[in-house]
């Protein structure tokens, strides 16, 4: 039996991060349908599982790989905001963050120095801000 399954999956895409996300989303929605009896909410998890199994058994590996890379890019953009939240909040106590008016480079300036002339390290533009 295991050998038959192994031969079936040769040349197929299999499970990846997007597939795991779709599976968990379907499971969570199935639990939600236990509490809220709505026909539309009951059908959504099954459609998600159909998409998940379609991706697993797909032979178009390149297309499924590109879909997974797009998902990972969105995931990293979403989670990237929360990863550095603590360090940003600690820096906000001691520093001001200004953007250069010409190149939009972020520059960190210590607080409590009064009005200072800031030189952008990237484009060498000078501007005055209160620290």
Protein backbone atom coordinates (compact mmCIF):
# COMPACT_ATOMS: atom_id res chain seq x y z
CA UNK A 1 0.00 0.00 0.00
CA UNK A 2 2.77 2.40 0.90
CA UNK A 3 4.57 1.62 -2.35
CA UNK A 4 1.41 2.34 -4.37
CA UNK A 5 1.04 5.70 -2.66
CA UNK A 6 4.70 6.46 -3.27
CA UNK A 7 4.32 5.64 -6.99
CA UNK A 8 1.17 7.79 -7.18
CA UNK A 9 3.02 10.82 -5.82
CA UNK A 10 5.98 10.60 -8.23
CA UNK A 11 6.00 13.77 -10.33
CA UNK A 12 3.37 15.47 -8.16
CA UNK A 13 3.85 18.70 -6.22
CA UNK A 14 2.95 17.58 -2.69
CA UNK A 15 2.44 19.67 0.43
CA UNK A 16 4.06 23.06 1.05
CA UNK A 17 3.51 26.07 3.34
CA UNK A 18 0.51 27.36 1.36
CA UNK A 19 -1.02 23.88 1.46
CA UNK A 20 -0.56 23.72 5.23
CA UNK A 21 -2.13 27.15 5.61
CA UNK A 22 -5.11 26.13 3.47
CA UNK A 23 -5.55 22.89 5.43
CA UNK A 24 -5.52 24.65 8.81
CA UNK A 25 -7.88 27.33 7.51
CA UNK A 26 -10.32 24.65 6.38
CA UNK A 27 -10.10 22.85 9.75
CA UNK A 28 -10.75 26.07 11.66
CA UNK A 29 -13.70 26.92 9.43
CA UNK A 30 -15.10 23.41 9.95
CA UNK A 31 -15.05 23.99 13.72
CA UNK A 32 -16.76 27.36 13.23
CA UNK A 33 -19.55 25.65 11.30
CA UNK A 34 -20.33 23.58 14.40
CA UNK A 35 -21.50 26.75 16.14
CA UNK A 36 -22.96 28.74 13.25
CA UNK A 37 -25.31 26.82 10.97
CA UNK A 38 -25.12 28.63 7.66
CA UNK A 39 -25.06 26.86 4.28
CA UNK A 40 -22.42 29.17 2.79
CA UNK A 41 -20.09 28.88 5.78
CA UNK A 42 -20.47 25.08 5.62
CA UNK A 43 -19.40 24.94 1.95
CA UNK A 44 -16.32 27.20 2.16
CA UNK A 45 -14.07 24.67 4.02
CA UNK A 46 -14.82 21.99 1.44
CA UNK A 47 -13.89 24.29 -1.44
CA UNK A 48 -10.67 25.16 0.36
CA UNK A 49 -9.88 21.46 0.84
CA UNK A 50 -10.57 20.80 -2.86
CA UNK A 51 -8.07 23.55 -3.77
CA UNK A 52 -5.58 22.09 -1.28
CA UNK A 53 -5.83 18.58 -2.73
CA UNK A 54 -5.68 19.95 -6.26
CA UNK A 55 -2.37 21.61 -5.37
CA UNK A 56 -1.03 18.44 -3.73
CA UNK A 57 -1.76 16.19 -6.72
CA UNK A 58 -0.86 18.77 -9.37
CA UNK A 59 1.82 17.90 -11.93
CA UNK A 60 2.48 21.57 -12.76
CA UNK A 61 5.26 21.93 -10.20
CA UNK A 62 6.55 25.28 -11.46
CA UNK A 63 3.16 27.00 -11.15
CA UNK A 64 2.54 25.59 -7.65
CA UNK A 65 6.04 26.69 -6.61
CA UNK A 66 5.35 30.25 -7.81
CA UNK A 67 2.05 30.30 -5.90
CA UNK A 68 3.87 29.23 -2.75
CA UNK A 69 6.53 31.92 -3.23
CA UNK A 70 3.83 34.62 -3.53
CA UNK A 71 2.19 33.30 -0.36
CA UNK A 72 5.53 33.38 1.49
CA UNK A 73 6.14 36.96 0.33
CA UNK A 74 2.74 38.05 1.71
CA UNK A 75 3.34 36.11 4.91
CA UNK A 76 6.76 37.70 5.46
CA UNK A 77 5.36 41.16 4.79
CA UNK A 78 2.55 40.58 7.29
CA UNK A 79 4.71 38.97 9.99
CA UNK A 80 7.62 41.38 9.44
CA UNK A 81 5.60 44.18 10.94
CA UNK A 82 5.16 42.27 14.21
CA UNK A 83 8.68 40.84 14.45
CA UNK A 84 10.43 44.13 15.15
CA UNK A 85 7.60 45.73 17.12
CA UNK A 86 9.40 45.47 20.47
CA UNK A 87 12.69 46.93 19.21
CA UNK A 88 10.86 49.77 17.47
CA UNK A 89 8.93 50.61 20.61
CA UNK A 90 12.17 50.64 22.65
CA UNK A 91 13.85 52.89 20.07
CA UNK A 92 10.89 55.30 20.11
CA UNK A 93 11.71 56.12 23.74
CA UNK A 94 15.25 57.28 22.93
CA UNK A 95 15.22 58.22 19.24
CA UNK A 96 13.25 60.08 16.58
CA UNK A 97 13.04 58.46 13.17
CA UNK A 98 12.97 60.92 10.27
CA UNK A 99 12.75 60.26 6.54
CA UNK A 100 15.03 62.19 4.22
CA UNK A 101 12.90 64.57 2.10
CA UNK A 102 14.80 63.74 -1.10
CA UNK A 103 15.50 59.98 -1.02
CA UNK A 104 13.12 58.85 1.80
CA UNK A 105 15.96 57.09 3.66
CA UNK A 106 15.06 56.58 7.35
CA UNK A 107 17.46 58.30 9.76
CA UNK A 108 17.56 57.73 13.53
CA UNK A 109 18.26 60.85 15.62
CA UNK A 110 18.65 60.87 19.45
CA UNK A 111 15.97 62.75 21.39
CA UNK A 112 16.63 65.84 23.48
CA UNK A 113 19.30 67.59 21.37
CA UNK A 114 17.17 70.57 20.26
CA UNK A 115 17.09 71.74 16.64
CA UNK A 116 19.79 70.02 14.65
CA UNK A 117 20.95 69.92 11.06
CA UNK A 118 20.69 66.35 9.78
CA UNK A 119 22.79 65.11 6.85
CA UNK A 120 21.42 62.09 5.01
CA UNK A 121 24.10 59.37 4.78
CA UNK A 122 22.70 58.14 1.47
CA UNK A 123 22.22 61.27 -0.65
CA UNK A 124 24.09 63.84 1.52
CA UNK A 125 21.07 66.16 1.63
CA UNK A 126 20.81 68.44 4.67
CA UNK A 127 17.61 69.32 6.52
CA UNK A 128 16.77 70.77 9.95
CA UNK A 129 14.54 68.98 12.44
CA UNK A 130 13.82 69.16 16.15
CA UNK A 131 15.14 66.16 18.07
